[in-house]
Amino acid sequence: MVARILFACAECETALIWPVDSEPQCSDHLVAVNDGNFAEARDCDGNPVYVVHPESNWRLVLDGGGKARCPQGHKVGEAVELVPASPAYLALRRDRVVERKMRGRV
């Protein structure tokens, strides 16, 4: 079985995103990703982020301002629109989440 990555809040370790492929797409800027994939990139402020498709959301909570939080309220990233009329993508700050390699089911 192929290893997958599960992203969790760095503060409380609550799982946030359904497991995604273990091999990231690499980019210097935010890129669109398919459901089940993720990319390593930098946001507009130069912070390293993981970009995931909104359909990968499991327990992540988006507030009215587009801030992404874990169920405990810790800020872990934000929703971003990459092009007009596209769905928002989730940009998770690498310093605010941890990644866990997994095998098997959640």
PDB file of N, CA and C in Angstrom:
ATOM      1  N   MET A   1       0.841  -1.181   0.000  1.00  0.00           N
ATOM      2  CA  MET A   1       0.000   0.000   0.000  1.00  0.00           C
ATOM      3  C   MET A   1       0.890   1.250   0.000  1.00  0.00           C
ATOM      4  N   VAL A   2       0.483   2.252  -0.739  1.00  0.00           N
ATOM      5  CA  VAL A   2       1.256   3.477  -0.884  1.00  0.00           C
ATOM      6  C   VAL A   2       1.110   4.346   0.359  1.00  0.00           C
ATOM      7  N   ALA A   3       2.212   4.960   0.774  1.00  0.00           N
ATOM      8  CA  ALA A   3       2.170   5.878   1.918  1.00  0.00           C
ATOM      9  C   ALA A   3       1.422   7.140   1.516  1.00  0.00           C
ATOM     10  N   ARG A   4       0.713   7.703   2.452  1.00  0.00           N
ATOM     11  CA  ARG A   4      -0.031   8.950   2.251  1.00  0.00           C
ATOM     12  C   ARG A   4       0.372   9.919   3.359  1.00  0.00           C
ATOM     13  N   ILE A   5       0.042  11.184   3.196  1.00  0.00           N
ATOM     14  CA  ILE A   5       0.363  12.214   4.175  1.00  0.00           C
ATOM     15  C   ILE A   5      -0.931  12.736   4.796  1.00  0.00           C
ATOM     16  N   LEU A   6      -0.941  12.840   6.096  1.00  0.00           N
ATOM     17  CA  LEU A   6      -2.063  13.430   6.829  1.00  0.00           C
ATOM     18  C   LEU A   6      -1.521  14.689   7.497  1.00  0.00           C
ATOM     19  N   PHE A   7      -2.184  15.822   7.315  1.00  0.00           N
ATOM     20  CA  PHE A   7      -1.764  17.069   7.954  1.00  0.00           C
ATOM     21  C   PHE A   7      -2.571  17.285   9.225  1.00  0.00           C
ATOM     22  N   ALA A   8      -1.893  17.725  10.287  1.00  0.00           N
ATOM     23  CA  ALA A   8      -2.531  17.952  11.579  1.00  0.00           C
ATOM     24  C   ALA A   8      -2.036  19.275  12.160  1.00  0.00           C
ATOM     25  N   CYS A   9      -2.803  19.838  13.078  1.00  0.00           N
ATOM     26  CA  CYS A   9      -2.435  21.072  13.771  1.00  0.00           C
ATOM     27  C   CYS A   9      -1.170  20.824  14.592  1.00  0.00           C
ATOM     28  N   ALA A  10      -0.206  21.725  14.500  1.00  0.00           N
ATOM     29  CA  ALA A  10       1.045  21.569  15.238  1.00  0.00           C
ATOM     30  C   ALA A  10       0.839  21.730  16.743  1.00  0.00           C
ATOM     31  N   GLU A  11      -0.178  22.496  17.163  1.00  0.00           N
ATOM     32  CA  GLU A  11      -0.391  22.743  18.593  1.00  0.00           C
ATOM     33  C   GLU A  11      -1.142  21.616  19.289  1.00  0.00           C
ATOM     34  N   CYS A  12      -2.225  21.128  18.671  1.00  0.00           N
ATOM     35  CA  CYS A  12      -3.046  20.125  19.355  1.00  0.00           C
ATOM     36  C   CYS A  12      -3.033  18.769  18.657  1.00  0.00           C
ATOM     37  N   GLU A  13      -2.396  18.689  17.487  1.00  0.00           N
ATOM     38  CA  GLU A  13      -2.263  17.467  16.700  1.00  0.00           C
ATOM     39  C   GLU A  13      -3.589  16.887  16.213  1.00  0.00           C
ATOM     40  N   THR A  14      -4.626  17.715  16.113  1.00  0.00           N
ATOM     41  CA  THR A  14      -5.888  17.276  15.522  1.00  0.00           C
ATOM     42  C   THR A  14      -5.710  17.143  14.015  1.00  0.00           C
ATOM     43  N   ALA A  15      -6.105  16.012  13.443  1.00  0.00           N
ATOM     44  CA  ALA A  15      -6.017  15.809  12.003  1.00  0.00           C
ATOM     45  C   ALA A  15      -6.930  16.799  11.293  1.00  0.00           C
ATOM     46  N   LEU A  16      -6.449  17.378  10.186  1.00  0.00           N
ATOM     47  CA  LEU A  16      -7.191  18.423   9.489  1.00  0.00           C
ATOM     48  C   LEU A  16      -7.600  18.056   8.074  1.00  0.00           C
ATOM     49  N   ILE A  17      -6.763  17.321   7.380  1.00  0.00           N
ATOM     50  CA  ILE A  17      -6.933  17.046   5.958  1.00  0.00           C
ATOM     51  C   ILE A  17      -6.946  15.541   5.738  1.00  0.00           C
ATOM     52  N   TRP A  18      -7.843  15.066   4.869  1.00  0.00           N
ATOM     53  CA  TRP A  18      -7.821  13.653   4.502  1.00  0.00           C
ATOM     54  C   TRP A  18      -6.452  13.329   3.946  1.00  0.00           C
ATOM     55  N   PRO A  19      -5.969  12.124   4.111  1.00  0.00           N
ATOM     56  CA  PRO A  19      -4.632  11.789   3.592  1.00  0.00           C
ATOM     57  C   PRO A  19      -4.502  12.068   2.096  1.00  0.00           C
ATOM     58  N   VAL A  20      -3.369  12.627   1.716  1.00  0.00           N
ATOM     59  CA  VAL A  20      -3.079  12.981   0.326  1.00  0.00           C
ATOM     60  C   VAL A  20      -1.831  12.230  -0.128  1.00  0.00           C
ATOM     61  N   ASP A  21      -1.565  12.241  -1.435  1.00  0.00           N
ATOM     62  CA  ASP A  21      -0.372  11.573  -1.961  1.00  0.00           C
ATOM     63  C   ASP A  21       0.869  12.043  -1.228  1.00  0.00           C
ATOM     64  N   SER A  22       1.830  11.145  -1.058  1.00  0.00           N
ATOM     65  CA  SER A  22       3.017  11.483  -0.279  1.00  0.00           C
ATOM     66  C   SER A  22       4.043  12.289  -1.063  1.00  0.00           C
ATOM     67  N   GLU A  23       3.906  12.363  -2.380  1.00  0.00           N
ATOM     68  CA  GLU A  23       4.857  13.128  -3.194  1.00  0.00           C
ATOM     69  C   GLU A  23       4.258  14.482  -3.558  1.00  0.00           C
ATOM     70  N   PRO A  24       4.832  15.570  -3.039  1.00  0.00           N
ATOM     71  CA  PRO A  24       4.268  16.894  -3.338  1.00  0.00           C
ATOM     72  C   PRO A  24       4.668  17.391  -4.720  1.00  0.00           C
ATOM     73  N   GLN A  25       3.854  18.296  -5.221  1.00  0.00           N
ATOM     74  CA  GLN A  25       4.251  19.098  -6.369  1.00  0.00           C
ATOM     75  C   GLN A  25       5.070  20.242  -5.781  1.00  0.00           C
ATOM     76  N   CYS A  26       6.129  20.666  -6.419  1.00  0.00           N
ATOM     77  CA  CYS A  26       6.944  21.760  -5.901  1.00  0.00           C
ATOM     78  C   CYS A  26       6.764  22.992  -6.775  1.00  0.00           C
ATOM     79  N   SER A  27       6.709  24.144  -6.127  1.00  0.00           N
ATOM     80  CA  SER A  27       6.510  25.390  -6.849  1.00  0.00           C
ATOM     81  C   SER A  27       6.991  26.541  -5.984  1.00  0.00           C
ATOM     82  N   ASP A  28       7.426  27.623  -6.627  1.00  0.00           N
ATOM     83  CA  ASP A  28       7.814  28.816  -5.872  1.00  0.00           C
ATOM     84  C   ASP A  28       6.611  29.678  -5.546  1.00  0.00           C
ATOM     85  N   HIS A  29       5.476  29.414  -6.172  1.00  0.00           N
ATOM     86  CA  HIS A  29       4.276  30.202  -5.942  1.00  0.00           C
ATOM     87  C   HIS A  29       3.083  29.262  -5.768  1.00  0.00           C
ATOM     88  N   LEU A  30       1.966  29.808  -5.357  1.00  0.00           N
ATOM     89  CA  LEU A  30       0.762  29.000  -5.145  1.00  0.00           C
ATOM     90  C   LEU A  30       0.276  28.422  -6.467  1.00  0.00           C
ATOM     91  N   VAL A  31      -0.047  27.149  -6.464  1.00  0.00           N
ATOM     92  CA  VAL A  31      -0.508  26.458  -7.664  1.00  0.00           C
ATOM     93  C   VAL A  31      -1.781  25.689  -7.349  1.00  0.00           C
ATOM     94  N   ALA A  32      -2.588  25.445  -8.364  1.00  0.00           N
ATOM     95  CA  ALA A  32      -3.788  24.630  -8.190  1.00  0.00           C
ATOM     96  C   ALA A  32      -3.372  23.168  -8.097  1.00  0.00           C
ATOM     97  N   VAL A  33      -4.020  22.437  -7.220  1.00  0.00           N
ATOM     98  CA  VAL A  33      -3.756  21.004  -7.079  1.00  0.00           C
ATOM     99  C   VAL A  33      -5.071  20.250  -7.191  1.00  0.00           C
ATOM    100  N   ASN A  34      -4.982  18.989  -7.593  1.00  0.00           N
ATOM    101  CA  ASN A  34      -6.156  18.127  -7.665  1.00  0.00           C
ATOM    102  C   ASN A  34      -6.467  17.572  -6.280  1.00  0.00           C
ATOM    103  N   ASP A  35      -7.705  17.158  -6.091  1.00  0.00           N
ATOM    104  CA  ASP A  35      -8.091  16.507  -4.843  1.00  0.00           C
ATOM    105  C   ASP A  35      -7.212  15.272  -4.647  1.00  0.00           C
ATOM    106  N   GLY A  36      -6.678  15.103  -3.459  1.00  0.00           N
ATOM    107  CA  GLY A  36      -5.809  13.971  -3.175  1.00  0.00           C
ATOM    108  C   GLY A  36      -4.335  14.265  -3.368  1.00  0.00           C
ATOM    109  N   ASN A  37      -4.017  15.474  -3.838  1.00  0.00           N
ATOM    110  CA  ASN A  37      -2.633  15.891  -4.025  1.00  0.00           C
ATOM    111  C   ASN A  37      -2.351  17.112  -3.162  1.00  0.00           C
ATOM    112  N   PHE A  38      -1.084  17.456  -3.030  1.00  0.00           N
ATOM    113  CA  PHE A  38      -0.718  18.704  -2.376  1.00  0.00           C
ATOM    114  C   PHE A  38       0.545  19.249  -3.031  1.00  0.00           C
ATOM    115  N   ALA A  39       0.827  20.516  -2.781  1.00  0.00           N
ATOM    116  CA  ALA A  39       2.027  21.157  -3.319  1.00  0.00           C
ATOM    117  C   ALA A  39       2.738  21.888  -2.193  1.00  0.00           C
ATOM    118  N   GLU A  40       4.046  21.959  -2.292  1.00  0.00           N
ATOM    119  CA  GLU A  40       4.840  22.788  -1.393  1.00  0.00           C
ATOM    120  C   GLU A  40       5.132  24.071  -2.147  1.00  0.00           C
ATOM    121  N   ALA A  41       4.826  25.218  -1.531  1.00  0.00           N
ATOM    122  CA  ALA A  41       4.981  26.495  -2.207  1.00  0.00           C
ATOM    123  C   ALA A  41       5.238  27.587  -1.168  1.00  0.00           C
ATOM    124  N   ARG A  42       5.161  28.822  -1.609  1.00  0.00           N
ATOM    125  CA  ARG A  42       5.264  29.988  -0.719  1.00  0.00           C
ATOM    126  C   ARG A  42       4.065  30.887  -0.973  1.00  0.00           C
ATOM    127  N   ASP A  43       3.515  31.457   0.114  1.00  0.00           N
ATOM    128  CA  ASP A  43       2.378  32.363  -0.055  1.00  0.00           C
ATOM    129  C   ASP A  43       2.880  33.739  -0.486  1.00  0.00           C
ATOM    130  N   CYS A  44       1.969  34.693  -0.621  1.00  0.00           N
ATOM    131  CA  CYS A  44       2.339  36.027  -1.108  1.00  0.00           C
ATOM    132  C   CYS A  44       3.270  36.771  -0.146  1.00  0.00           C
ATOM    133  N   ASP A  45       3.332  36.336   1.125  1.00  0.00           N
ATOM    134  CA  ASP A  45       4.247  36.944   2.090  1.00  0.00           C
ATOM    135  C   ASP A  45       5.576  36.198   2.174  1.00  0.00           C
ATOM    136  N   GLY A  46       5.733  35.157   1.355  1.00  0.00           N
ATOM    137  CA  GLY A  46       6.965  34.386   1.351  1.00  0.00           C
ATOM    138  C   GLY A  46       7.029  33.260   2.369  1.00  0.00           C
ATOM    139  N   ASN A  47       5.920  33.017   3.078  1.00  0.00           N
ATOM    140  CA  ASN A  47       5.887  31.932   4.064  1.00  0.00           C
ATOM    141  C   ASN A  47       5.743  30.591   3.355  1.00  0.00           C
ATOM    142  N   PRO A  48       6.482  29.567   3.779  1.00  0.00           N
ATOM    143  CA  PRO A  48       6.300  28.241   3.174  1.00  0.00           C
ATOM    144  C   PRO A  48       4.947  27.651   3.564  1.00  0.00           C
ATOM    145  N   VAL A  49       4.236  27.126   2.577  1.00  0.00           N
ATOM    146  CA  VAL A  49       2.895  26.570   2.793  1.00  0.00           C
ATOM    147  C   VAL A  49       2.747  25.249   2.065  1.00  0.00           C
ATOM    148  N   TYR A  50       1.754  24.472   2.511  1.00  0.00           N
ATOM    149  CA  TYR A  50       1.268  23.313   1.793  1.00  0.00           C
ATOM    150  C   TYR A  50      -0.037  23.743   1.151  1.00  0.00           C
ATOM    151  N   VAL A  51      -0.185  23.551  -0.141  1.00  0.00           N
ATOM    152  CA  VAL A  51      -1.426  23.883  -0.844  1.00  0.00           C
ATOM    153  C   VAL A  51      -2.197  22.592  -1.039  1.00  0.00           C
ATOM    154  N   VAL A  52      -3.450  22.562  -0.573  1.00  0.00           N
ATOM    155  CA  VAL A  52      -4.302  21.389  -0.733  1.00  0.00           C
ATOM    156  C   VAL A  52      -5.637  21.815  -1.340  1.00  0.00           C
ATOM    157  N   HIS A  53      -6.273  20.886  -2.015  1.00  0.00           N
ATOM    158  CA  HIS A  53      -7.566  21.136  -2.637  1.00  0.00           C
ATOM    159  C   HIS A  53      -8.628  21.205  -1.537  1.00  0.00           C
ATOM    160  N   PRO A  54      -9.646  22.063  -1.676  1.00  0.00           N
ATOM    161  CA  PRO A  54     -10.674  22.169  -0.628  1.00  0.00           C
ATOM    162  C   PRO A  54     -11.432  20.866  -0.376  1.00  0.00           C
ATOM    163  N   GLU A  55     -11.518  19.975  -1.386  1.00  0.00           N
ATOM    164  CA  GLU A  55     -12.209  18.706  -1.184  1.00  0.00           C
ATOM    165  C   GLU A  55     -11.453  17.774  -0.233  1.00  0.00           C
ATOM    166  N   SER A  56     -10.174  18.075   0.015  1.00  0.00           N
ATOM    167  CA  SER A  56      -9.376  17.268   0.940  1.00  0.00           C
ATOM    168  C   SER A  56      -9.662  17.621   2.396  1.00  0.00           C
ATOM    169  N   ASN A  57     -10.451  18.664   2.609  1.00  0.00           N
ATOM    170  CA  ASN A  57     -10.759  19.121   3.964  1.00  0.00           C
ATOM    171  C   ASN A  57     -11.491  18.033   4.759  1.00  0.00           C
ATOM    172  N   TRP A  58     -11.048  17.820   5.980  1.00  0.00           N
ATOM    173  CA  TRP A  58     -11.661  16.823   6.854  1.00  0.00           C
ATOM    174  C   TRP A  58     -12.217  17.534   8.083  1.00  0.00           C
ATOM    175  N   ARG A  59     -11.379  18.045   8.930  1.00  0.00           N
ATOM    176  CA  ARG A  59     -11.828  18.717  10.158  1.00  0.00           C
ATOM    177  C   ARG A  59     -11.437  20.182  10.199  1.00  0.00           C
ATOM    178  N   LEU A  60     -10.829  20.681   9.160  1.00  0.00           N
ATOM    179  CA  LEU A  60     -10.412  22.067   9.090  1.00  0.00           C
ATOM    180  C   LEU A  60     -11.642  22.971   9.089  1.00  0.00           C
ATOM    181  N   VAL A  61     -11.592  24.070   9.796  1.00  0.00           N
ATOM    182  CA  VAL A  61     -12.710  25.010   9.883  1.00  0.00           C
ATOM    183  C   VAL A  61     -12.289  26.316   9.221  1.00  0.00           C
ATOM    184  N   LEU A  62     -13.104  26.803   8.279  1.00  0.00           N
ATOM    185  CA  LEU A  62     -12.849  28.094   7.652  1.00  0.00           C
ATOM    186  C   LEU A  62     -13.781  29.119   8.255  1.00  0.00           C
ATOM    187  N   ASP A  63     -13.204  30.210   8.798  1.00  0.00           N
ATOM    188  CA  ASP A  63     -14.067  31.247   9.353  1.00  0.00           C
ATOM    189  C   ASP A  63     -14.514  32.183   8.234  1.00  0.00           C
ATOM    190  N   GLY A  64     -15.350  33.150   8.545  1.00  0.00           N
ATOM    191  CA  GLY A  64     -15.910  34.046   7.538  1.00  0.00           C
ATOM    192  C   GLY A  64     -14.875  34.838   6.765  1.00  0.00           C
ATOM    193  N   GLY A  65     -13.706  35.066   7.341  1.00  0.00           N
ATOM    194  CA  GLY A  65     -12.654  35.829   6.677  1.00  0.00           C
ATOM    195  C   GLY A  65     -11.698  34.964   5.873  1.00  0.00           C
ATOM    196  N   GLY A  66     -11.968  33.660   5.760  1.00  0.00           N
ATOM    197  CA  GLY A  66     -11.108  32.772   4.998  1.00  0.00           C
ATOM    198  C   GLY A  66      -9.927  32.221   5.768  1.00  0.00           C
ATOM    199  N   LYS A  67      -9.874  32.473   7.067  1.00  0.00           N
ATOM    200  CA  LYS A  67      -8.803  31.905   7.888  1.00  0.00           C
ATOM    201  C   LYS A  67      -9.109  30.442   8.178  1.00  0.00           C
ATOM    202  N   ALA A  68      -8.097  29.602   8.041  1.00  0.00           N
ATOM    203  CA  ALA A  68      -8.252  28.170   8.306  1.00  0.00           C
ATOM    204  C   ALA A  68      -7.801  27.888   9.731  1.00  0.00           C
ATOM    205  N   ARG A  69      -8.659  27.204  10.470  1.00  0.00           N
ATOM    206  CA  ARG A  69      -8.375  26.887  11.870  1.00  0.00           C
ATOM    207  C   ARG A  69      -8.658  25.422  12.129  1.00  0.00           C
ATOM    208  N   CYS A  70      -7.974  24.876  13.143  1.00  0.00           N
ATOM    209  CA  CYS A  70      -8.300  23.521  13.586  1.00  0.00           C
ATOM    210  C   CYS A  70      -9.579  23.622  14.423  1.00  0.00           C
ATOM    211  N   PRO A  71     -10.228  22.509  14.757  1.00  0.00           N
ATOM    212  CA  PRO A  71     -11.445  22.571  15.562  1.00  0.00           C
ATOM    213  C   PRO A  71     -11.253  23.221  16.938  1.00  0.00           C
ATOM    214  N   GLN A  72     -10.007  23.256  17.420  1.00  0.00           N
ATOM    215  CA  GLN A  72      -9.715  23.889  18.712  1.00  0.00           C
ATOM    216  C   GLN A  72      -9.515  25.396  18.579  1.00  0.00           C
ATOM    217  N   GLY A  73      -9.483  25.916  17.343  1.00  0.00           N
ATOM    218  CA  GLY A  73      -9.365  27.356  17.105  1.00  0.00           C
ATOM    219  C   GLY A  73      -7.963  27.848  16.770  1.00  0.00           C
ATOM    220  N   HIS A  74      -6.972  26.977  16.672  1.00  0.00           N
ATOM    221  CA  HIS A  74      -5.617  27.401  16.319  1.00  0.00           C
ATOM    222  C   HIS A  74      -5.554  27.723  14.830  1.00  0.00           C
ATOM    223  N   LYS A  75      -5.017  28.888  14.484  1.00  0.00           N
ATOM    224  CA  LYS A  75      -4.908  29.274  13.074  1.00  0.00           C
ATOM    225  C   LYS A  75      -3.806  28.453  12.408  1.00  0.00           C
ATOM    226  N   VAL A  76      -4.140  27.818  11.289  1.00  0.00           N
ATOM    227  CA  VAL A  76      -3.182  26.971  10.580  1.00  0.00           C
ATOM    228  C   VAL A  76      -2.954  27.409   9.130  1.00  0.00           C
ATOM    229  N   GLY A  77      -3.735  28.353   8.633  1.00  0.00           N
ATOM    230  CA  GLY A  77      -3.567  28.799   7.257  1.00  0.00           C
ATOM    231  C   GLY A  77      -4.745  29.626   6.804  1.00  0.00           C
ATOM    232  N   GLU A  78      -5.013  29.586   5.489  1.00  0.00           N
ATOM    233  CA  GLU A  78      -6.119  30.353   4.940  1.00  0.00           C
ATOM    234  C   GLU A  78      -6.556  29.788   3.604  1.00  0.00           C
ATOM    235  N   ALA A  79      -7.741  30.194   3.188  1.00  0.00           N
ATOM    236  CA  ALA A  79      -8.243  29.845   1.866  1.00  0.00           C
ATOM    237  C   ALA A  79      -7.764  30.919   0.897  1.00  0.00           C
ATOM    238  N   VAL A  80      -7.314  30.506  -0.266  1.00  0.00           N
ATOM    239  CA  VAL A  80      -6.832  31.461  -1.266  1.00  0.00           C
ATOM    240  C   VAL A  80      -7.470  31.143  -2.606  1.00  0.00           C
ATOM    241  N   GLU A  81      -7.704  32.178  -3.410  1.00  0.00           N
ATOM    242  CA  GLU A  81      -8.181  31.980  -4.773  1.00  0.00           C
ATOM    243  C   GLU A  81      -7.007  32.212  -5.689  1.00  0.00           C
ATOM    244  N   LEU A  82      -6.729  31.256  -6.549  1.00  0.00           N
ATOM    245  CA  LEU A  82      -5.570  31.353  -7.426  1.00  0.00           C
ATOM    246  C   LEU A  82      -5.889  32.093  -8.717  1.00  0.00           C
ATOM    247  N   VAL A  83      -7.093  31.944  -9.214  1.00  0.00           N
ATOM    248  CA  VAL A  83      -7.538  32.683 -10.396  1.00  0.00           C
ATOM    249  C   VAL A  83      -9.003  33.029 -10.176  1.00  0.00           C
ATOM    250  N   PRO A  84      -9.482  34.104 -10.774  1.00  0.00           N
ATOM    251  CA  PRO A  84     -10.906  34.433 -10.621  1.00  0.00           C
ATOM    252  C   PRO A  84     -11.786  33.270 -11.068  1.00  0.00           C
ATOM    253  N   ALA A  85     -12.861  33.085 -10.373  1.00  0.00           N
ATOM    254  CA  ALA A  85     -13.888  32.070 -10.656  1.00  0.00           C
ATOM    255  C   ALA A  85     -13.422  30.649 -10.361  1.00  0.00           C
ATOM    256  N   SER A  86     -12.273  30.470  -9.737  1.00  0.00           N
ATOM    257  CA  SER A  86     -11.865  29.112  -9.367  1.00  0.00           C
ATOM    258  C   SER A  86     -12.227  28.878  -7.910  1.00  0.00           C
ATOM    259  N   PRO A  87     -12.341  27.644  -7.501  1.00  0.00           N
ATOM    260  CA  PRO A  87     -12.600  27.409  -6.075  1.00  0.00           C
ATOM    261  C   PRO A  87     -11.386  27.820  -5.257  1.00  0.00           C
ATOM    262  N   ALA A  88     -11.621  28.180  -4.038  1.00  0.00           N
ATOM    263  CA  ALA A  88     -10.512  28.547  -3.154  1.00  0.00           C
ATOM    264  C   ALA A  88      -9.703  27.298  -2.822  1.00  0.00           C
ATOM    265  N   TYR A  89      -8.416  27.461  -2.715  1.00  0.00           N
ATOM    266  CA  TYR A  89      -7.538  26.386  -2.277  1.00  0.00           C
ATOM    267  C   TYR A  89      -7.095  26.678  -0.861  1.00  0.00           C
ATOM    268  N   LEU A  90      -6.676  25.666  -0.164  1.00  0.00           N
ATOM    269  CA  LEU A  90      -6.259  25.824   1.218  1.00  0.00           C
ATOM    270  C   LEU A  90      -4.745  25.909   1.265  1.00  0.00           C
ATOM    271  N   ALA A  91      -4.230  26.974   1.865  1.00  0.00           N
ATOM    272  CA  ALA A  91      -2.790  27.143   2.039  1.00  0.00           C
ATOM    273  C   ALA A  91      -2.504  26.982   3.527  1.00  0.00           C
ATOM    274  N   LEU A  92      -1.903  25.859   3.893  1.00  0.00           N
ATOM    275  CA  LEU A  92      -1.594  25.567   5.293  1.00  0.00           C
ATOM    276  C   LEU A  92      -0.155  25.965   5.580  1.00  0.00           C
ATOM    277  N   ARG A  93       0.042  26.810   6.579  1.00  0.00           N
ATOM    278  CA  ARG A  93       1.395  27.244   6.942  1.00  0.00           C
ATOM    279  C   ARG A  93       2.205  26.069   7.456  1.00  0.00           C
ATOM    280  N   ARG A  94       3.386  25.869   6.892  1.00  0.00           N
ATOM    281  CA  ARG A  94       4.217  24.728   7.287  1.00  0.00           C
ATOM    282  C   ARG A  94       4.666  24.805   8.735  1.00  0.00           C
ATOM    283  N   ASP A  95       4.742  26.010   9.291  1.00  0.00           N
ATOM    284  CA  ASP A  95       5.131  26.124  10.701  1.00  0.00           C
ATOM    285  C   ASP A  95       3.944  25.923  11.641  1.00  0.00           C
ATOM    286  N   ARG A  96       2.722  25.807  11.103  1.00  0.00           N
ATOM    287  CA  ARG A  96       1.519  25.657  11.928  1.00  0.00           C
ATOM    288  C   ARG A  96       0.902  24.264  11.838  1.00  0.00           C
ATOM    289  N   VAL A  97       1.416  23.427  10.931  1.00  0.00           N
ATOM    290  CA  VAL A  97       0.909  22.062  10.794  1.00  0.00           C
ATOM    291  C   VAL A  97       2.068  21.067  10.834  1.00  0.00           C
ATOM    292  N   VAL A  98       1.735  19.850  11.164  1.00  0.00           N
ATOM    293  CA  VAL A  98       2.703  18.750  11.099  1.00  0.00           C
ATOM    294  C   VAL A  98       2.182  17.742  10.098  1.00  0.00           C
ATOM    295  N   GLU A  99       3.105  17.037   9.477  1.00  0.00           N
ATOM    296  CA  GLU A  99       2.687  16.001   8.530  1.00  0.00           C
ATOM    297  C   GLU A  99       3.033  14.644   9.101  1.00  0.00           C
ATOM    298  N   ARG A 100       2.146  13.701   8.874  1.00  0.00           N
ATOM    299  CA  ARG A 100       2.333  12.343   9.356  1.00  0.00           C
ATOM    300  C   ARG A 100       2.242  11.410   8.157  1.00  0.00           C
ATOM    301  N   LYS A 101       3.266  10.589   7.975  1.00  0.00           N
ATOM    302  CA  LYS A 101       3.197   9.570   6.921  1.00  0.00           C
ATOM    303  C   LYS A 101       2.341   8.429   7.430  1.00  0.00           C
ATOM    304  N   MET A 102       1.454   7.959   6.581  1.00  0.00           N
ATOM    305  CA  MET A 102       0.500   6.921   6.968  1.00  0.00           C
ATOM    306  C   MET A 102       0.504   5.795   5.956  1.00  0.00           C
ATOM    307  N   ARG A 103       0.109   4.664   6.414  1.00  0.00           N
ATOM    308  CA  ARG A 103      -0.174   3.513   5.553  1.00  0.00           C
ATOM    309  C   ARG A 103      -1.509   2.951   6.004  1.00  0.00           C
ATOM    310  N   GLY A 104      -2.324   2.533   5.071  1.00  0.00           N
ATOM    311  CA  GLY A 104      -3.606   1.956   5.447  1.00  0.00           C
ATOM    312  C   GLY A 104      -4.690   3.003   5.563  1.00  0.00           C
ATOM    313  N   ARG A 105      -5.695   2.700   6.351  1.00  0.00           N
ATOM    314  CA  ARG A 105      -6.873   3.555   6.503  1.00  0.00           C
ATOM    315  C   ARG A 105      -6.718   4.519   7.662  1.00  0.00           C
ATOM    316  N   VAL A 106      -7.558   5.557   7.601  1.00  0.00           N
ATOM    317  CA  VAL A 106      -7.599   6.543   8.690  1.00  0.00           C
ATOM    318  C   VAL A 106      -8.395   5.972   9.830  1.00  0.00           C
TER     319      VAL A 106
END
